[in-house]
Amino acid sequence: MEHRWKGSDKGLNWCWELGRQMREETPELAKRAQDGELMISGWKGGVDPASKIKSKKGTYNYLAEWQGLRGEDLNIDTDLPTTLVCSLSGVEVTYSKDGHKLEN
């Protein structure tokens, strides 16, 4: 627990590895992520397809898991926010280290 979540990476490596595992176990989910969908997961940052909002906040943990699910290398600059647009809903999601503190 101490090493995984409170280390210098704040759990991002673990989240990325979980995404890689999910890629192997659920290829249809991986395909959706590769197509740019920001699907709902256990971390804040996914988008409900029926959502009427235009933008929301998300966590780097979500982004790390999503990159692993897509088969990408972990590539997050935690000093800068990252913004993605869900290909399914068109909702813009901004990921940051403070994403877990912000309201949707």
N, C-alpha and C. Protein backbone atom coordinates (compact mmCIF):
# COMPACT_ATOMS: atom_id res chain seq x y z
N MET A 1 0.82 -1.18 0.00
CA MET A 1 0.00 0.00 0.00
C MET A 1 0.87 1.26 0.00
N GLU A 2 1.80 1.30 0.90
CA GLU A 2 2.68 2.47 1.01
C GLU A 2 3.46 2.69 -0.29
N HIS A 3 4.04 1.63 -0.82
CA HIS A 3 4.84 1.73 -2.04
C HIS A 3 3.96 2.00 -3.26
N ARG A 4 2.85 1.30 -3.37
CA ARG A 4 2.00 1.38 -4.55
C ARG A 4 1.30 2.74 -4.69
N TRP A 5 0.73 3.26 -3.63
CA TRP A 5 -0.10 4.46 -3.72
C TRP A 5 0.56 5.73 -3.21
N LYS A 6 1.53 5.61 -2.31
CA LYS A 6 2.13 6.80 -1.72
C LYS A 6 3.55 7.05 -2.19
N GLY A 7 4.01 6.27 -3.16
CA GLY A 7 5.34 6.46 -3.72
C GLY A 7 5.39 7.69 -4.61
N SER A 8 6.50 7.93 -5.21
CA SER A 8 6.71 9.14 -6.02
C SER A 8 5.76 9.23 -7.22
N ASP A 9 5.31 8.09 -7.73
CA ASP A 9 4.40 8.12 -8.89
C ASP A 9 2.93 8.20 -8.49
N LYS A 10 2.62 8.16 -7.19
CA LYS A 10 1.25 8.28 -6.67
C LYS A 10 0.28 7.26 -7.26
N GLY A 11 0.80 6.07 -7.57
CA GLY A 11 -0.06 4.98 -8.06
C GLY A 11 -0.24 4.94 -9.57
N LEU A 12 0.39 5.85 -10.31
CA LEU A 12 0.17 5.88 -11.75
C LEU A 12 0.70 4.62 -12.44
N ASN A 13 1.84 4.11 -12.01
CA ASN A 13 2.37 2.88 -12.62
C ASN A 13 1.42 1.71 -12.38
N TRP A 14 0.87 1.63 -11.18
CA TRP A 14 -0.07 0.56 -10.86
C TRP A 14 -1.34 0.67 -11.71
N CYS A 15 -1.86 1.89 -11.85
CA CYS A 15 -3.06 2.09 -12.67
C CYS A 15 -2.80 1.72 -14.12
N TRP A 16 -1.64 2.09 -14.62
CA TRP A 16 -1.26 1.75 -16.00
C TRP A 16 -1.19 0.23 -16.17
N GLU A 17 -0.59 -0.43 -15.19
CA GLU A 17 -0.49 -1.89 -15.25
C GLU A 17 -1.88 -2.54 -15.20
N LEU A 18 -2.79 -2.00 -14.42
CA LEU A 18 -4.16 -2.51 -14.39
C LEU A 18 -4.80 -2.36 -15.77
N GLY A 19 -4.56 -1.23 -16.43
CA GLY A 19 -5.07 -1.04 -17.78
C GLY A 19 -4.52 -2.08 -18.75
N ARG A 20 -3.23 -2.40 -18.61
CA ARG A 20 -2.63 -3.43 -19.47
C ARG A 20 -3.28 -4.79 -19.24
N GLN A 21 -3.56 -5.10 -17.98
CA GLN A 21 -4.23 -6.36 -17.66
C GLN A 21 -5.64 -6.39 -18.24
N MET A 22 -6.35 -5.27 -18.12
CA MET A 22 -7.69 -5.18 -18.67
C MET A 22 -7.66 -5.37 -20.18
N ARG A 23 -6.61 -4.87 -20.83
CA ARG A 23 -6.47 -5.02 -22.29
C ARG A 23 -6.44 -6.48 -22.69
N GLU A 24 -5.74 -7.29 -21.91
CA GLU A 24 -5.65 -8.71 -22.20
C GLU A 24 -6.96 -9.44 -21.90
N GLU A 25 -7.63 -9.02 -20.83
CA GLU A 25 -8.84 -9.72 -20.39
C GLU A 25 -10.10 -9.29 -21.14
N THR A 26 -10.12 -8.04 -21.63
CA THR A 26 -11.32 -7.52 -22.28
C THR A 26 -10.93 -6.76 -23.56
N PRO A 27 -10.63 -7.49 -24.63
CA PRO A 27 -10.19 -6.85 -25.86
C PRO A 27 -11.23 -5.88 -26.45
N GLU A 28 -12.52 -6.13 -26.20
CA GLU A 28 -13.53 -5.21 -26.73
C GLU A 28 -13.46 -3.85 -26.03
N LEU A 29 -13.13 -3.86 -24.76
CA LEU A 29 -12.95 -2.61 -24.02
C LEU A 29 -11.70 -1.88 -24.52
N ALA A 30 -10.65 -2.64 -24.78
CA ALA A 30 -9.42 -2.06 -25.31
C ALA A 30 -9.67 -1.41 -26.67
N LYS A 31 -10.48 -2.04 -27.49
CA LYS A 31 -10.82 -1.49 -28.81
C LYS A 31 -11.55 -0.17 -28.67
N ARG A 32 -12.48 -0.09 -27.72
CA ARG A 32 -13.21 1.15 -27.49
C ARG A 32 -12.25 2.26 -27.06
N ALA A 33 -11.30 1.92 -26.18
CA ALA A 33 -10.31 2.91 -25.74
C ALA A 33 -9.43 3.35 -26.91
N GLN A 34 -9.02 2.41 -27.74
CA GLN A 34 -8.21 2.74 -28.92
C GLN A 34 -8.97 3.65 -29.87
N ASP A 35 -10.28 3.52 -29.89
CA ASP A 35 -11.11 4.37 -30.75
C ASP A 35 -11.36 5.74 -30.14
N GLY A 36 -10.79 6.00 -28.95
CA GLY A 36 -10.90 7.31 -28.33
C GLY A 36 -12.04 7.47 -27.34
N GLU A 37 -12.72 6.39 -27.02
CA GLU A 37 -13.80 6.48 -26.05
C GLU A 37 -13.22 6.57 -24.65
N LEU A 38 -13.77 7.45 -23.86
CA LEU A 38 -13.38 7.60 -22.46
C LEU A 38 -14.47 6.95 -21.61
N MET A 39 -14.41 5.63 -21.54
CA MET A 39 -15.46 4.88 -20.85
C MET A 39 -15.35 5.01 -19.34
N ILE A 40 -16.46 4.75 -18.67
CA ILE A 40 -16.51 4.79 -17.21
C ILE A 40 -15.60 3.71 -16.64
N SER A 41 -14.88 4.07 -15.57
CA SER A 41 -14.06 3.10 -14.85
C SER A 41 -14.14 3.44 -13.36
N GLY A 42 -13.30 2.83 -12.58
CA GLY A 42 -13.29 3.11 -11.15
C GLY A 42 -12.69 4.46 -10.80
N TRP A 43 -12.02 5.09 -11.73
CA TRP A 43 -11.40 6.40 -11.51
C TRP A 43 -12.24 7.48 -12.17
N LYS A 44 -12.20 8.65 -11.62
CA LYS A 44 -12.91 9.79 -12.19
C LYS A 44 -12.23 10.21 -13.49
N GLY A 45 -13.01 10.29 -14.56
CA GLY A 45 -12.44 10.70 -15.84
C GLY A 45 -13.11 10.08 -17.03
N GLY A 46 -13.95 9.08 -16.80
CA GLY A 46 -14.72 8.49 -17.88
C GLY A 46 -16.00 9.27 -18.11
N VAL A 47 -16.64 8.99 -19.24
CA VAL A 47 -17.84 9.74 -19.61
C VAL A 47 -19.00 8.78 -19.86
N ASP A 48 -20.12 9.08 -19.24
CA ASP A 48 -21.36 8.34 -19.49
C ASP A 48 -21.85 8.76 -20.88
N PRO A 49 -22.09 7.81 -21.79
CA PRO A 49 -22.50 8.16 -23.15
C PRO A 49 -23.77 9.01 -23.21
N ALA A 50 -24.63 8.90 -22.20
CA ALA A 50 -25.88 9.66 -22.19
C ALA A 50 -25.71 11.04 -21.54
N SER A 51 -24.50 11.37 -21.15
CA SER A 51 -24.25 12.62 -20.45
C SER A 51 -24.56 13.84 -21.32
N LYS A 52 -25.11 14.86 -20.71
CA LYS A 52 -25.43 16.10 -21.41
C LYS A 52 -24.41 17.20 -21.13
N ILE A 53 -23.39 16.90 -20.30
CA ILE A 53 -22.39 17.91 -19.99
C ILE A 53 -21.43 18.08 -21.16
N LYS A 54 -20.74 19.21 -21.20
CA LYS A 54 -19.80 19.49 -22.28
C LYS A 54 -18.36 19.27 -21.85
N SER A 55 -18.10 19.40 -20.55
CA SER A 55 -16.73 19.20 -20.06
C SER A 55 -16.77 18.72 -18.62
N LYS A 56 -15.68 18.09 -18.20
CA LYS A 56 -15.57 17.60 -16.83
C LYS A 56 -14.10 17.43 -16.49
N LYS A 57 -13.83 17.12 -15.25
CA LYS A 57 -12.47 16.90 -14.75
C LYS A 57 -12.25 15.42 -14.50
N GLY A 58 -11.00 15.01 -14.58
CA GLY A 58 -10.64 13.63 -14.32
C GLY A 58 -9.28 13.54 -13.65
N THR A 59 -8.95 12.34 -13.19
CA THR A 59 -7.69 12.13 -12.48
C THR A 59 -6.63 11.53 -13.40
N TYR A 60 -5.39 11.74 -13.02
CA TYR A 60 -4.29 11.10 -13.75
C TYR A 60 -4.35 9.59 -13.60
N ASN A 61 -4.94 9.09 -12.52
CA ASN A 61 -5.08 7.64 -12.36
C ASN A 61 -5.92 7.06 -13.49
N TYR A 62 -7.02 7.76 -13.84
CA TYR A 62 -7.84 7.32 -14.97
C TYR A 62 -7.01 7.34 -16.25
N LEU A 63 -6.30 8.42 -16.47
CA LEU A 63 -5.52 8.57 -17.70
C LEU A 63 -4.46 7.47 -17.81
N ALA A 64 -3.80 7.14 -16.70
CA ALA A 64 -2.80 6.07 -16.70
C ALA A 64 -3.44 4.73 -17.06
N GLU A 65 -4.57 4.42 -16.43
CA GLU A 65 -5.26 3.17 -16.72
C GLU A 65 -5.69 3.13 -18.19
N TRP A 66 -6.21 4.23 -18.70
CA TRP A 66 -6.66 4.32 -20.09
C TRP A 66 -5.49 4.12 -21.06
N GLN A 67 -4.34 4.71 -20.76
CA GLN A 67 -3.17 4.52 -21.62
C GLN A 67 -2.75 3.05 -21.65
N GLY A 68 -2.78 2.39 -20.51
CA GLY A 68 -2.46 0.96 -20.47
C GLY A 68 -3.47 0.15 -21.25
N LEU A 69 -4.73 0.48 -21.13
CA LEU A 69 -5.80 -0.20 -21.85
C LEU A 69 -5.62 -0.05 -23.36
N ARG A 70 -5.15 1.08 -23.79
CA ARG A 70 -4.92 1.34 -25.22
C ARG A 70 -3.63 0.69 -25.73
N GLY A 71 -2.79 0.18 -24.83
CA GLY A 71 -1.53 -0.43 -25.25
C GLY A 71 -0.43 0.59 -25.43
N GLU A 72 -0.61 1.77 -24.85
CA GLU A 72 0.39 2.84 -24.95
C GLU A 72 1.35 2.76 -23.78
N ASP A 73 2.50 3.39 -23.95
CA ASP A 73 3.41 3.58 -22.83
C ASP A 73 2.79 4.58 -21.87
N LEU A 74 3.14 4.49 -20.61
CA LEU A 74 2.69 5.48 -19.63
C LEU A 74 3.40 6.80 -19.95
N ASN A 75 2.62 7.82 -20.26
CA ASN A 75 3.18 9.10 -20.68
C ASN A 75 2.31 10.23 -20.14
N ILE A 76 2.57 10.63 -18.90
CA ILE A 76 1.80 11.68 -18.25
C ILE A 76 2.76 12.68 -17.62
N ASP A 77 2.65 13.93 -18.01
CA ASP A 77 3.41 15.00 -17.37
C ASP A 77 2.53 15.54 -16.25
N THR A 78 2.84 15.17 -15.02
CA THR A 78 1.98 15.53 -13.90
C THR A 78 2.08 17.01 -13.52
N ASP A 79 2.91 17.75 -14.20
CA ASP A 79 2.99 19.20 -13.96
C ASP A 79 2.01 19.97 -14.83
N LEU A 80 1.43 19.28 -15.81
CA LEU A 80 0.51 19.94 -16.75
C LEU A 80 -0.78 19.17 -16.87
N PRO A 81 -1.92 19.86 -16.97
CA PRO A 81 -3.16 19.14 -17.23
C PRO A 81 -3.17 18.59 -18.65
N THR A 82 -3.90 17.52 -18.86
CA THR A 82 -4.06 16.90 -20.17
C THR A 82 -5.55 16.88 -20.50
N THR A 83 -5.92 17.34 -21.69
CA THR A 83 -7.32 17.38 -22.09
C THR A 83 -7.55 16.44 -23.26
N LEU A 84 -8.57 15.60 -23.15
CA LEU A 84 -8.99 14.69 -24.21
C LEU A 84 -10.47 14.88 -24.47
N VAL A 85 -10.91 14.54 -25.66
CA VAL A 85 -12.32 14.59 -26.01
C VAL A 85 -12.78 13.17 -26.29
N CYS A 86 -13.84 12.75 -25.63
CA CYS A 86 -14.40 11.41 -25.81
C CYS A 86 -14.98 11.29 -27.22
N SER A 87 -14.53 10.29 -27.96
CA SER A 87 -14.99 10.10 -29.34
C SER A 87 -16.46 9.71 -29.42
N LEU A 88 -17.00 9.14 -28.35
CA LEU A 88 -18.39 8.70 -28.36
C LEU A 88 -19.36 9.83 -28.02
N SER A 89 -19.02 10.60 -26.99
CA SER A 89 -19.95 11.62 -26.50
C SER A 89 -19.57 13.05 -26.88
N GLY A 90 -18.31 13.27 -27.24
CA GLY A 90 -17.84 14.62 -27.53
C GLY A 90 -17.53 15.43 -26.29
N VAL A 91 -17.63 14.83 -25.10
CA VAL A 91 -17.34 15.53 -23.85
C VAL A 91 -15.82 15.71 -23.71
N GLU A 92 -15.43 16.92 -23.34
CA GLU A 92 -14.02 17.24 -23.11
C GLU A 92 -13.69 16.97 -21.65
N VAL A 93 -12.62 16.19 -21.41
CA VAL A 93 -12.22 15.86 -20.05
C VAL A 93 -10.80 16.36 -19.83
N THR A 94 -10.61 17.12 -18.76
CA THR A 94 -9.29 17.62 -18.40
C THR A 94 -8.80 16.85 -17.19
N TYR A 95 -7.66 16.20 -17.35
CA TYR A 95 -7.07 15.37 -16.29
C TYR A 95 -5.97 16.17 -15.60
N SER A 96 -5.98 16.11 -14.28
CA SER A 96 -4.95 16.80 -13.51
C SER A 96 -4.75 16.09 -12.18
N LYS A 97 -3.72 16.48 -11.45
CA LYS A 97 -3.48 15.84 -10.16
C LYS A 97 -4.54 16.22 -9.15
N ASP A 98 -5.28 17.28 -9.40
CA ASP A 98 -6.36 17.70 -8.50
C ASP A 98 -7.73 17.24 -9.00
N GLY A 99 -7.79 16.43 -10.03
CA GLY A 99 -9.05 16.01 -10.60
C GLY A 99 -9.99 15.33 -9.63
N HIS A 100 -9.45 14.60 -8.68
CA HIS A 100 -10.29 13.89 -7.71
C HIS A 100 -10.98 14.84 -6.74
N LYS A 101 -10.52 16.08 -6.65
CA LYS A 101 -11.11 17.04 -5.72
C LYS A 101 -12.20 17.89 -6.38
N LEU A 102 -12.29 17.83 -7.69
CA LEU A 102 -13.18 18.73 -8.41
C LEU A 102 -14.51 18.08 -8.73
N GLU A 103 -15.55 18.88 -8.78
CA GLU A 103 -16.88 18.40 -9.11
C GLU A 103 -17.00 18.23 -10.61
N ASN A 104 -17.85 17.32 -11.04
CA ASN A 104 -18.15 17.15 -12.48
C ASN A 104 -18.99 18.32 -12.95
